[in-house]
Amino acid sequence: MVKVSPIDAPCGAVITGIDLSSKLSDEAVVDIRQAWLQNHVLVFPKQVLNPADLARFTLSFGHFGDDPFFDPIEEHNHVAAIRRDAKEKTPLFAENWHTDWSFQVKPPIGTCLYGIKIPPVGGDTLFANQHKAFDELLPLLKSKIEHLTAVHSAASAYSPEGIYSDELKQNSGRSMDIKVSDEARRTQTHPLIRPHTETGRLAIYSTAGYIQRFEELEIDESKQLLNELYQYQGSPQFVYRHKWQANMLVMWDNRSVLHKATGGYDGYDRLLHRTTISQFD
C-alpha cells in the first residue's frame, strides 16, 4: 500500500510501502500521481532498480521525454547518466536554477533521477516551489510579469559557444556525455505565468538561463527583470533541500518546481540515472 509522508518543507513527500522494481498496479499509479500533483517532489527510498525498471516506472506517468543534448547509457536509449568522477575538475553540471528542457515546444512534465553512487557528503539537489513563489508575489511585481511571454533557448548551455562546449578548456575531462549542437540556438516561447496542465494552478515557469528575454520588453529591461526574478524564485522560503542516498529515486514536476545541483563532494564518484516524462497525448 502506498504511504505518503509529506516533508516539512515548501514541497516534497516521501513514498514508502511500494516496490518499484515490479510493475505498478493501476491503483498505485493513481495514488503516486495524486501525491506528485500535491507535493511536486516525490522521494522513493530503498528501491533497487535497473535501467529497465526506471524506464517502466517513467512510462507509468507519461511518454519518454526527448533529451536532445545527452547521450543515453548503453543499456537503455531513454536513460541518461548524470555522472561526475572523483578526480574531475570541470565546472559543476546544472548548478543554476532551471526547469528541464523548457526551450522545447512540449517540455517534459517531469523528471526521474535515481541514485547509484552517492558521495557521503555534498551533492544535495535543491527544489524551489514556483506555485508558492507565484502566490507570494508582491502586487507590483505580479502586475509586471503576469502577462509576459518568455523566449527560451538552450544556446547559453548547449550551443558550440555554450558553457558545456568542448572548445572550452574548463570542460576537458568531463565524464558526462553531453552533446553540443547548433540546434541549441533555436528559440521557443511560453507564457511566464502558466497554469499547471493537470491541476490548473498557476506557477512561474522556468527562469533566467533558459529564458533569454521577454517578447514584450527590450533586452536590457528583460535582463534586469530576469535577474530580479531569479533571486526571488530561489528564495529560502520556497526551497526544499534534498539529501541523497544510494537506491533512492526522486521524481519531480517540472511544471511546479525549479531545481539545481550543488557540489561539495570533490574526491568522490557520483552517478545517477535520469529519465524525463512527456505528458500523455
C-alpha atoms as a PDB file:
ATOM      1  CA  MET A   1       0.000   0.000   0.000  1.00  0.00           C
ATOM      2  CA  VAL A   2       1.370   3.419  -0.980  1.00  0.00           C
ATOM      3  CA  LYS A   3       2.183   5.554   2.057  1.00  0.00           C
ATOM      4  CA  VAL A   4       2.668   9.309   1.513  1.00  0.00           C
ATOM      5  CA  SER A   5       4.613  11.240   4.177  1.00  0.00           C
ATOM      6  CA  PRO A   6       4.862  14.969   3.395  1.00  0.00           C
ATOM      7  CA  ILE A   7       8.232  16.550   4.141  1.00  0.00           C
ATOM      8  CA  ASP A   8       8.351  19.607   6.409  1.00  0.00           C
ATOM      9  CA  ALA A   9       9.408  21.861   3.540  1.00  0.00           C
ATOM     10  CA  PRO A  10       7.809  24.019   0.813  1.00  0.00           C
ATOM     11  CA  CYS A  11       7.475  20.896  -1.359  1.00  0.00           C
ATOM     12  CA  GLY A  12       8.205  17.205  -1.200  1.00  0.00           C
ATOM     13  CA  ALA A  13       6.921  13.908   0.194  1.00  0.00           C
ATOM     14  CA  VAL A  14       8.451  10.500   0.936  1.00  0.00           C
ATOM     15  CA  ILE A  15       6.724   7.495  -0.641  1.00  0.00           C
ATOM     16  CA  THR A  16       7.038   4.080   1.016  1.00  0.00           C
ATOM     17  CA  GLY A  17       5.120   0.802   1.023  1.00  0.00           C
ATOM     18  CA  ILE A  18       5.804   0.013  -2.631  1.00  0.00           C
ATOM     19  CA  ASP A  19       8.407  -1.867  -4.680  1.00  0.00           C
ATOM     20  CA  LEU A  20       9.242  -0.028  -7.902  1.00  0.00           C
ATOM     21  CA  SER A  21      11.197  -2.979  -9.308  1.00  0.00           C
ATOM     22  CA  SER A  22       7.819  -4.572 -10.124  1.00  0.00           C
ATOM     23  CA  LYS A  23       5.081  -3.333 -12.427  1.00  0.00           C
ATOM     24  CA  LEU A  24       2.847  -0.816 -10.656  1.00  0.00           C
ATOM     25  CA  SER A  25      -0.828  -1.555 -10.209  1.00  0.00           C
ATOM     26  CA  ASP A  26      -3.331   0.899 -11.664  1.00  0.00           C
ATOM     27  CA  GLU A  27      -4.287   1.893  -8.119  1.00  0.00           C
ATOM     28  CA  ALA A  28      -0.663   2.588  -7.183  1.00  0.00           C
ATOM     29  CA  VAL A  29      -0.174   4.756 -10.275  1.00  0.00           C
ATOM     30  CA  VAL A  30      -3.229   6.829  -9.342  1.00  0.00           C
ATOM     31  CA  ASP A  31      -2.024   7.212  -5.735  1.00  0.00           C
ATOM     32  CA  ILE A  32       1.502   8.220  -6.770  1.00  0.00           C
ATOM     33  CA  ARG A  33       0.242  10.663  -9.380  1.00  0.00           C
ATOM     34  CA  GLN A  34      -2.063  12.322  -6.852  1.00  0.00           C
ATOM     35  CA  ALA A  35       0.805  12.624  -4.365  1.00  0.00           C
ATOM     36  CA  TRP A  36       3.014  14.048  -7.131  1.00  0.00           C
ATOM     37  CA  LEU A  37       0.478  16.712  -8.078  1.00  0.00           C
ATOM     38  CA  GLN A  38       0.017  17.712  -4.441  1.00  0.00           C
ATOM     39  CA  ASN A  39       3.665  17.650  -3.312  1.00  0.00           C
ATOM     40  CA  HIS A  40       5.570  18.307  -6.587  1.00  0.00           C
ATOM     41  CA  VAL A  41       8.642  16.294  -5.496  1.00  0.00           C
ATOM     42  CA  LEU A  42       8.429  12.623  -4.504  1.00  0.00           C
ATOM     43  CA  VAL A  43      11.208  10.652  -2.798  1.00  0.00           C
ATOM     44  CA  PHE A  44      11.240   6.842  -3.003  1.00  0.00           C
ATOM     45  CA  PRO A  45      13.961   5.451  -0.675  1.00  0.00           C
ATOM     46  CA  LYS A  46      15.369   1.909  -0.657  1.00  0.00           C
ATOM     47  CA  GLN A  47      14.496   0.997  -4.255  1.00  0.00           C
ATOM     48  CA  VAL A  48      16.841  -1.379  -6.092  1.00  0.00           C
ATOM     49  CA  LEU A  49      16.263  -0.537  -9.760  1.00  0.00           C
ATOM     50  CA  ASN A  50      17.948  -1.368 -13.031  1.00  0.00           C
ATOM     51  CA  PRO A  51      17.564   0.853 -16.124  1.00  0.00           C
ATOM     52  CA  ALA A  52      14.593  -1.188 -17.376  1.00  0.00           C
ATOM     53  CA  ASP A  53      12.832  -0.706 -14.018  1.00  0.00           C
ATOM     54  CA  LEU A  54      13.420   3.041 -14.154  1.00  0.00           C
ATOM     55  CA  ALA A  55      12.114   3.159 -17.721  1.00  0.00           C
ATOM     56  CA  ARG A  56       8.996   1.157 -16.830  1.00  0.00           C
ATOM     57  CA  PHE A  57       8.259   3.461 -13.875  1.00  0.00           C
ATOM     58  CA  THR A  58       8.669   6.501 -16.140  1.00  0.00           C
ATOM     59  CA  LEU A  59       6.170   5.151 -18.662  1.00  0.00           C
ATOM     60  CA  SER A  60       3.544   4.767 -15.920  1.00  0.00           C
ATOM     61  CA  PHE A  61       3.230   8.565 -15.867  1.00  0.00           C
ATOM     62  CA  GLY A  62       3.703   9.617 -19.497  1.00  0.00           C
ATOM     63  CA  HIS A  63       5.798   9.035 -22.590  1.00  0.00           C
ATOM     64  CA  PHE A  64       9.577   9.305 -22.597  1.00  0.00           C
ATOM     65  CA  GLY A  65      10.733  12.886 -22.959  1.00  0.00           C
ATOM     66  CA  ASP A  66      13.134  13.992 -25.683  1.00  0.00           C
ATOM     67  CA  ASP A  67      16.634  14.550 -24.261  1.00  0.00           C
ATOM     68  CA  PRO A  68      18.450  16.261 -27.139  1.00  0.00           C
ATOM     69  CA  PHE A  69      21.797  17.079 -25.542  1.00  0.00           C
ATOM     70  CA  PHE A  70      22.584  13.888 -23.587  1.00  0.00           C
ATOM     71  CA  ASP A  71      23.809  10.592 -24.975  1.00  0.00           C
ATOM     72  CA  PRO A  72      21.962   7.666 -23.337  1.00  0.00           C
ATOM     73  CA  ILE A  73      23.581   4.818 -21.473  1.00  0.00           C
ATOM     74  CA  GLU A  74      24.315   1.611 -23.406  1.00  0.00           C
ATOM     75  CA  GLU A  75      21.657  -0.391 -21.557  1.00  0.00           C
ATOM     76  CA  HIS A  76      18.703   1.815 -22.466  1.00  0.00           C
ATOM     77  CA  ASN A  77      18.239   4.535 -25.077  1.00  0.00           C
ATOM     78  CA  HIS A  78      15.958   6.669 -22.875  1.00  0.00           C
ATOM     79  CA  VAL A  79      18.102   6.638 -19.726  1.00  0.00           C
ATOM     80  CA  ALA A  80      20.959   9.119 -19.298  1.00  0.00           C
ATOM     81  CA  ALA A  81      23.811   9.080 -16.777  1.00  0.00           C
ATOM     82  CA  ILE A  82      24.291  12.123 -14.548  1.00  0.00           C
ATOM     83  CA  ARG A  83      27.891  11.488 -13.633  1.00  0.00           C
ATOM     84  CA  ARG A  84      30.887  13.151 -12.058  1.00  0.00           C
ATOM     85  CA  ASP A  85      34.111  11.272 -11.392  1.00  0.00           C
ATOM     86  CA  ALA A  86      36.124  11.646  -8.219  1.00  0.00           C
ATOM     87  CA  LYS A  87      39.078  13.411  -9.857  1.00  0.00           C
ATOM     88  CA  GLU A  88      37.026  15.607 -12.180  1.00  0.00           C
ATOM     89  CA  LYS A  89      37.776  19.341 -12.179  1.00  0.00           C
ATOM     90  CA  THR A  90      35.198  20.612 -14.681  1.00  0.00           C
ATOM     91  CA  PRO A  91      32.534  23.115 -13.581  1.00  0.00           C
ATOM     92  CA  LEU A  92      29.601  21.504 -11.798  1.00  0.00           C
ATOM     93  CA  PHE A  93      26.770  20.416 -14.088  1.00  0.00           C
ATOM     94  CA  ALA A  94      23.343  22.095 -13.636  1.00  0.00           C
ATOM     95  CA  GLU A  95      24.343  24.287 -10.703  1.00  0.00           C
ATOM     96  CA  ASN A  96      21.922  27.101 -11.613  1.00  0.00           C
ATOM     97  CA  TRP A  97      18.171  27.133 -11.117  1.00  0.00           C
ATOM     98  CA  HIS A  98      16.301  25.760 -14.111  1.00  0.00           C
ATOM     99  CA  THR A  99      13.350  23.733 -15.375  1.00  0.00           C
ATOM    100  CA  ASP A 100      14.338  20.798 -17.550  1.00  0.00           C
ATOM    101  CA  TRP A 101      14.255  21.481 -21.285  1.00  0.00           C
ATOM    102  CA  SER A 102      11.893  24.480 -21.062  1.00  0.00           C
ATOM    103  CA  PHE A 103      13.147  25.512 -24.524  1.00  0.00           C
ATOM    104  CA  GLN A 104      11.153  22.683 -26.147  1.00  0.00           C
ATOM    105  CA  VAL A 105       7.731  23.053 -27.767  1.00  0.00           C
ATOM    106  CA  LYS A 106       6.390  20.472 -25.301  1.00  0.00           C
ATOM    107  CA  PRO A 107       8.819  20.412 -22.374  1.00  0.00           C
ATOM    108  CA  PRO A 108       8.870  17.333 -20.138  1.00  0.00           C
ATOM    109  CA  ILE A 109       6.287  17.471 -17.370  1.00  0.00           C
ATOM    110  CA  GLY A 110       8.532  15.511 -15.022  1.00  0.00           C
ATOM    111  CA  THR A 111      11.991  14.154 -14.372  1.00  0.00           C
ATOM    112  CA  CYS A 112      13.101  10.981 -12.570  1.00  0.00           C
ATOM    113  CA  LEU A 113      16.565  10.717 -11.024  1.00  0.00           C
ATOM    114  CA  TYR A 114      17.858   7.529  -9.403  1.00  0.00           C
ATOM    115  CA  GLY A 115      20.894   7.463  -7.108  1.00  0.00           C
ATOM    116  CA  ILE A 116      23.512   4.763  -7.797  1.00  0.00           C
ATOM    117  CA  LYS A 117      26.841   6.082  -6.459  1.00  0.00           C
ATOM    118  CA  ILE A 118      26.181   8.739  -3.843  1.00  0.00           C
ATOM    119  CA  PRO A 119      29.017  10.562  -2.020  1.00  0.00           C
ATOM    120  CA  PRO A 120      28.932  10.621   1.790  1.00  0.00           C
ATOM    121  CA  VAL A 121      28.994  14.432   1.711  1.00  0.00           C
ATOM    122  CA  GLY A 122      27.578  17.147  -0.546  1.00  0.00           C
ATOM    123  CA  GLY A 123      25.680  16.702  -3.789  1.00  0.00           C
ATOM    124  CA  ASP A 124      22.289  17.844  -2.487  1.00  0.00           C
ATOM    125  CA  THR A 125      19.618  18.823  -5.017  1.00  0.00           C
ATOM    126  CA  LEU A 126      17.556  21.954  -4.328  1.00  0.00           C
ATOM    127  CA  PHE A 127      13.931  22.341  -5.393  1.00  0.00           C
ATOM    128  CA  ALA A 128      12.023  25.652  -5.407  1.00  0.00           C
ATOM    129  CA  ASN A 129       8.213  25.621  -5.354  1.00  0.00           C
ATOM    130  CA  GLN A 130       7.044  28.002  -8.098  1.00  0.00           C
ATOM    131  CA  HIS A 131       3.360  27.811  -7.201  1.00  0.00           C
ATOM    132  CA  LYS A 132       4.275  29.220  -3.817  1.00  0.00           C
ATOM    133  CA  ALA A 133       6.567  31.766  -5.469  1.00  0.00           C
ATOM    134  CA  PHE A 134       3.692  32.963  -7.641  1.00  0.00           C
ATOM    135  CA  ASP A 135       1.226  33.048  -4.755  1.00  0.00           C
ATOM    136  CA  GLU A 136       3.551  35.234  -2.680  1.00  0.00           C
ATOM    137  CA  LEU A 137       4.475  37.737  -5.386  1.00  0.00           C
ATOM    138  CA  LEU A 138       4.115  41.332  -4.300  1.00  0.00           C
ATOM    139  CA  PRO A 139       1.313  43.040  -6.258  1.00  0.00           C
ATOM    140  CA  LEU A 140       3.672  45.405  -8.109  1.00  0.00           C
ATOM    141  CA  LEU A 141       5.936  42.604  -9.345  1.00  0.00           C
ATOM    142  CA  LYS A 142       2.963  40.393 -10.198  1.00  0.00           C
ATOM    143  CA  SER A 143       1.469  43.145 -12.336  1.00  0.00           C
ATOM    144  CA  LYS A 144       4.796  43.477 -14.202  1.00  0.00           C
ATOM    145  CA  ILE A 145       5.123  39.803 -15.110  1.00  0.00           C
ATOM    146  CA  GLU A 146       1.703  38.145 -15.260  1.00  0.00           C
ATOM    147  CA  HIS A 147       1.186  38.768 -18.991  1.00  0.00           C
ATOM    148  CA  LEU A 148       4.779  38.352 -20.219  1.00  0.00           C
ATOM    149  CA  THR A 149       5.879  35.889 -22.881  1.00  0.00           C
ATOM    150  CA  ALA A 150       9.280  34.317 -22.225  1.00  0.00           C
ATOM    151  CA  VAL A 151      11.692  33.406 -25.025  1.00  0.00           C
ATOM    152  CA  HIS A 152      13.523  30.179 -24.152  1.00  0.00           C
ATOM    153  CA  SER A 153      16.710  28.784 -25.672  1.00  0.00           C
ATOM    154  CA  ALA A 154      19.416  26.266 -24.813  1.00  0.00           C
ATOM    155  CA  ALA A 155      22.090  28.380 -26.528  1.00  0.00           C
ATOM    156  CA  SER A 156      23.865  29.541 -23.389  1.00  0.00           C
ATOM    157  CA  ALA A 157      24.381  25.943 -22.298  1.00  0.00           C
ATOM    158  CA  TYR A 158      24.460  23.554 -25.249  1.00  0.00           C
ATOM    159  CA  SER A 159      25.423  25.581 -28.341  1.00  0.00           C
ATOM    160  CA  PRO A 160      29.030  25.374 -29.612  1.00  0.00           C
ATOM    161  CA  GLU A 161      29.648  28.626 -27.695  1.00  0.00           C
ATOM    162  CA  GLY A 162      27.760  27.495 -24.585  1.00  0.00           C
ATOM    163  CA  ILE A 163      29.088  26.719 -21.127  1.00  0.00           C
ATOM    164  CA  TYR A 164      29.325  22.975 -21.888  1.00  0.00           C
ATOM    165  CA  SER A 165      31.194  23.433 -25.170  1.00  0.00           C
ATOM    166  CA  ASP A 166      34.063  21.055 -25.881  1.00  0.00           C
ATOM    167  CA  GLU A 167      36.003  24.093 -27.097  1.00  0.00           C
ATOM    168  CA  LEU A 168      36.302  25.451 -23.559  1.00  0.00           C
ATOM    169  CA  LYS A 169      39.387  24.260 -21.718  1.00  0.00           C
ATOM    170  CA  GLN A 170      37.428  24.110 -18.460  1.00  0.00           C
ATOM    171  CA  ASN A 171      35.327  21.237 -19.879  1.00  0.00           C
ATOM    172  CA  SER A 172      38.279  18.998 -20.659  1.00  0.00           C
ATOM    173  CA  GLY A 173      37.832  15.680 -18.889  1.00  0.00           C
ATOM    174  CA  ARG A 174      34.087  15.957 -18.248  1.00  0.00           C
ATOM    175  CA  SER A 175      32.689  12.493 -17.525  1.00  0.00           C
ATOM    176  CA  MET A 176      29.108  13.185 -18.660  1.00  0.00           C
ATOM    177  CA  ASP A 177      28.123  12.502 -22.260  1.00  0.00           C
ATOM    178  CA  ILE A 178      26.911  15.995 -23.216  1.00  0.00           C
ATOM    179  CA  LYS A 179      26.227  16.808 -26.873  1.00  0.00           C
ATOM    180  CA  VAL A 180      26.595  20.422 -28.003  1.00  0.00           C
ATOM    181  CA  SER A 181      24.805  21.415 -31.176  1.00  0.00           C
ATOM    182  CA  ASP A 182      23.740  24.333 -33.337  1.00  0.00           C
ATOM    183  CA  GLU A 183      20.191  23.123 -32.628  1.00  0.00           C
ATOM    184  CA  ALA A 184      20.562  24.694 -29.184  1.00  0.00           C
ATOM    185  CA  ARG A 185      20.231  28.148 -30.733  1.00  0.00           C
ATOM    186  CA  ARG A 186      16.562  27.593 -31.559  1.00  0.00           C
ATOM    187  CA  THR A 187      14.057  29.570 -29.527  1.00  0.00           C
ATOM    188  CA  GLN A 188      10.636  28.716 -28.146  1.00  0.00           C
ATOM    189  CA  THR A 189       8.110  30.909 -26.358  1.00  0.00           C
ATOM    190  CA  HIS A 190       5.997  30.084 -23.306  1.00  0.00           C
ATOM    191  CA  PRO A 191       3.937  32.297 -21.010  1.00  0.00           C
ATOM    192  CA  LEU A 192       5.976  33.216 -17.942  1.00  0.00           C
ATOM    193  CA  ILE A 193       2.966  32.503 -15.735  1.00  0.00           C
ATOM    194  CA  ARG A 194       1.452  29.174 -16.730  1.00  0.00           C
ATOM    195  CA  PRO A 195      -1.411  27.093 -15.389  1.00  0.00           C
ATOM    196  CA  HIS A 196      -0.433  23.543 -14.475  1.00  0.00           C
ATOM    197  CA  THR A 197      -1.665  21.243 -17.245  1.00  0.00           C
ATOM    198  CA  GLU A 198      -3.431  18.927 -14.775  1.00  0.00           C
ATOM    199  CA  THR A 199      -4.328  20.987 -11.699  1.00  0.00           C
ATOM    200  CA  GLY A 200      -4.688  24.412 -13.339  1.00  0.00           C
ATOM    201  CA  ARG A 201      -2.718  26.013 -10.514  1.00  0.00           C
ATOM    202  CA  LEU A 202      -0.593  28.980 -11.618  1.00  0.00           C
ATOM    203  CA  ALA A 203       3.198  28.989 -11.310  1.00  0.00           C
ATOM    204  CA  ILE A 204       6.194  30.969 -12.527  1.00  0.00           C
ATOM    205  CA  TYR A 205       7.589  28.809 -15.324  1.00  0.00           C
ATOM    206  CA  SER A 206      11.369  28.471 -15.708  1.00  0.00           C
ATOM    207  CA  THR A 207      13.899  31.235 -15.035  1.00  0.00           C
ATOM    208  CA  ALA A 208      16.992  33.077 -16.276  1.00  0.00           C
ATOM    209  CA  GLY A 209      19.338  30.786 -18.160  1.00  0.00           C
ATOM    210  CA  TYR A 210      16.938  29.039 -20.466  1.00  0.00           C
ATOM    211  CA  ILE A 211      14.826  32.204 -20.558  1.00  0.00           C
ATOM    212  CA  GLN A 212      16.770  34.638 -22.743  1.00  0.00           C
ATOM    213  CA  ARG A 213      14.369  37.581 -22.756  1.00  0.00           C
ATOM    214  CA  PHE A 214      10.722  38.629 -22.822  1.00  0.00           C
ATOM    215  CA  GLU A 215       8.952  39.392 -26.093  1.00  0.00           C
ATOM    216  CA  GLU A 216       7.254  42.478 -24.693  1.00  0.00           C
ATOM    217  CA  LEU A 217      10.409  44.105 -23.261  1.00  0.00           C
ATOM    218  CA  GLU A 218      13.701  45.484 -24.549  1.00  0.00           C
ATOM    219  CA  ILE A 219      16.814  43.377 -23.919  1.00  0.00           C
ATOM    220  CA  ASP A 220      18.168  45.483 -21.041  1.00  0.00           C
ATOM    221  CA  GLU A 221      14.803  45.594 -19.305  1.00  0.00           C
ATOM    222  CA  SER A 222      14.424  41.838 -19.799  1.00  0.00           C
ATOM    223  CA  LYS A 223      17.824  41.143 -18.227  1.00  0.00           C
ATOM    224  CA  GLN A 224      17.079  43.347 -15.237  1.00  0.00           C
ATOM    225  CA  LEU A 225      13.733  41.666 -14.624  1.00  0.00           C
ATOM    226  CA  LEU A 226      15.175  38.174 -15.123  1.00  0.00           C
ATOM    227  CA  ASN A 227      17.878  38.874 -12.531  1.00  0.00           C
ATOM    228  CA  GLU A 228      15.267  40.160 -10.078  1.00  0.00           C
ATOM    229  CA  LEU A 229      13.067  37.124 -10.627  1.00  0.00           C
ATOM    230  CA  TYR A 230      15.965  34.658 -10.382  1.00  0.00           C
ATOM    231  CA  GLN A 231      16.832  35.901  -6.902  1.00  0.00           C
ATOM    232  CA  TYR A 232      13.189  35.828  -5.858  1.00  0.00           C
ATOM    233  CA  GLN A 233      12.334  32.392  -7.305  1.00  0.00           C
ATOM    234  CA  GLY A 234      15.109  30.703  -5.352  1.00  0.00           C
ATOM    235  CA  SER A 235      14.361  32.424  -2.043  1.00  0.00           C
ATOM    236  CA  PRO A 236      14.764  30.145   1.015  1.00  0.00           C
ATOM    237  CA  GLN A 237      11.039  30.195   1.822  1.00  0.00           C
ATOM    238  CA  PHE A 238      10.357  28.285  -1.422  1.00  0.00           C
ATOM    239  CA  VAL A 239      13.206  25.737  -1.239  1.00  0.00           C
ATOM    240  CA  TYR A 240      13.429  22.076  -0.226  1.00  0.00           C
ATOM    241  CA  ARG A 241      16.988  20.767   0.075  1.00  0.00           C
ATOM    242  CA  HIS A 242      17.127  17.092  -0.810  1.00  0.00           C
ATOM    243  CA  LYS A 243      19.856  14.834   0.588  1.00  0.00           C
ATOM    244  CA  TRP A 244      20.557  11.755  -1.491  1.00  0.00           C
ATOM    245  CA  GLN A 245      21.070   8.116  -0.594  1.00  0.00           C
ATOM    246  CA  ALA A 246      22.018   5.210  -2.830  1.00  0.00           C
ATOM    247  CA  ASN A 247      18.997   3.331  -4.244  1.00  0.00           C
ATOM    248  CA  MET A 248      16.783   6.398  -3.907  1.00  0.00           C
ATOM    249  CA  LEU A 249      14.502   7.599  -6.700  1.00  0.00           C
ATOM    250  CA  VAL A 250      13.311  11.205  -6.872  1.00  0.00           C
ATOM    251  CA  MET A 251      10.533  12.278  -9.229  1.00  0.00           C
ATOM    252  CA  TRP A 252       9.686  15.951  -9.660  1.00  0.00           C
ATOM    253  CA  ASP A 253       7.139  18.037 -11.539  1.00  0.00           C
ATOM    254  CA  ASN A 254       8.784  20.480 -13.948  1.00  0.00           C
ATOM    255  CA  ARG A 255       5.515  22.415 -14.169  1.00  0.00           C
ATOM    256  CA  SER A 256       5.732  23.214 -10.458  1.00  0.00           C
ATOM    257  CA  VAL A 257       9.362  23.475  -9.344  1.00  0.00           C
ATOM    258  CA  LEU A 258      12.790  24.703 -10.324  1.00  0.00           C
ATOM    259  CA  HIS A 259      15.816  22.646  -9.330  1.00  0.00           C
ATOM    260  CA  LYS A 260      19.589  22.955  -9.165  1.00  0.00           C
ATOM    261  CA  ALA A 261      22.615  20.848  -8.286  1.00  0.00           C
ATOM    262  CA  THR A 262      25.120  21.539  -5.519  1.00  0.00           C
ATOM    263  CA  GLY A 263      28.717  20.411  -5.111  1.00  0.00           C
ATOM    264  CA  GLY A 264      30.834  19.717  -2.049  1.00  0.00           C
ATOM    265  CA  TYR A 265      31.839  16.146  -2.903  1.00  0.00           C
ATOM    266  CA  ASP A 266      35.241  16.559  -4.553  1.00  0.00           C
ATOM    267  CA  GLY A 267      37.188  13.317  -4.422  1.00  0.00           C
ATOM    268  CA  TYR A 268      34.102  11.098  -4.648  1.00  0.00           C
ATOM    269  CA  ASP A 269      32.392   9.470  -7.622  1.00  0.00           C
ATOM    270  CA  ARG A 270      28.734  10.406  -8.147  1.00  0.00           C
ATOM    271  CA  LEU A 271      26.401   8.582 -10.545  1.00  0.00           C
ATOM    272  CA  LEU A 272      22.660   8.833 -11.051  1.00  0.00           C
ATOM    273  CA  HIS A 273      20.365   7.668 -13.847  1.00  0.00           C
ATOM    274  CA  ARG A 274      17.825  10.074 -15.317  1.00  0.00           C
ATOM    275  CA  THR A 275      14.695   9.954 -17.440  1.00  0.00           C
ATOM    276  CA  THR A 276      12.225  12.650 -18.425  1.00  0.00           C
ATOM    277  CA  ILE A 277       8.449  12.330 -18.696  1.00  0.00           C
ATOM    278  CA  SER A 278       6.411  13.770 -21.553  1.00  0.00           C
ATOM    279  CA  GLN A 279       2.688  14.232 -20.955  1.00  0.00           C
ATOM    280  CA  PHE A 280       0.312  11.621 -22.355  1.00  0.00           C
ATOM    281  CA  ASP A 281      -1.416  12.828 -25.532  1.00  0.00           C
END
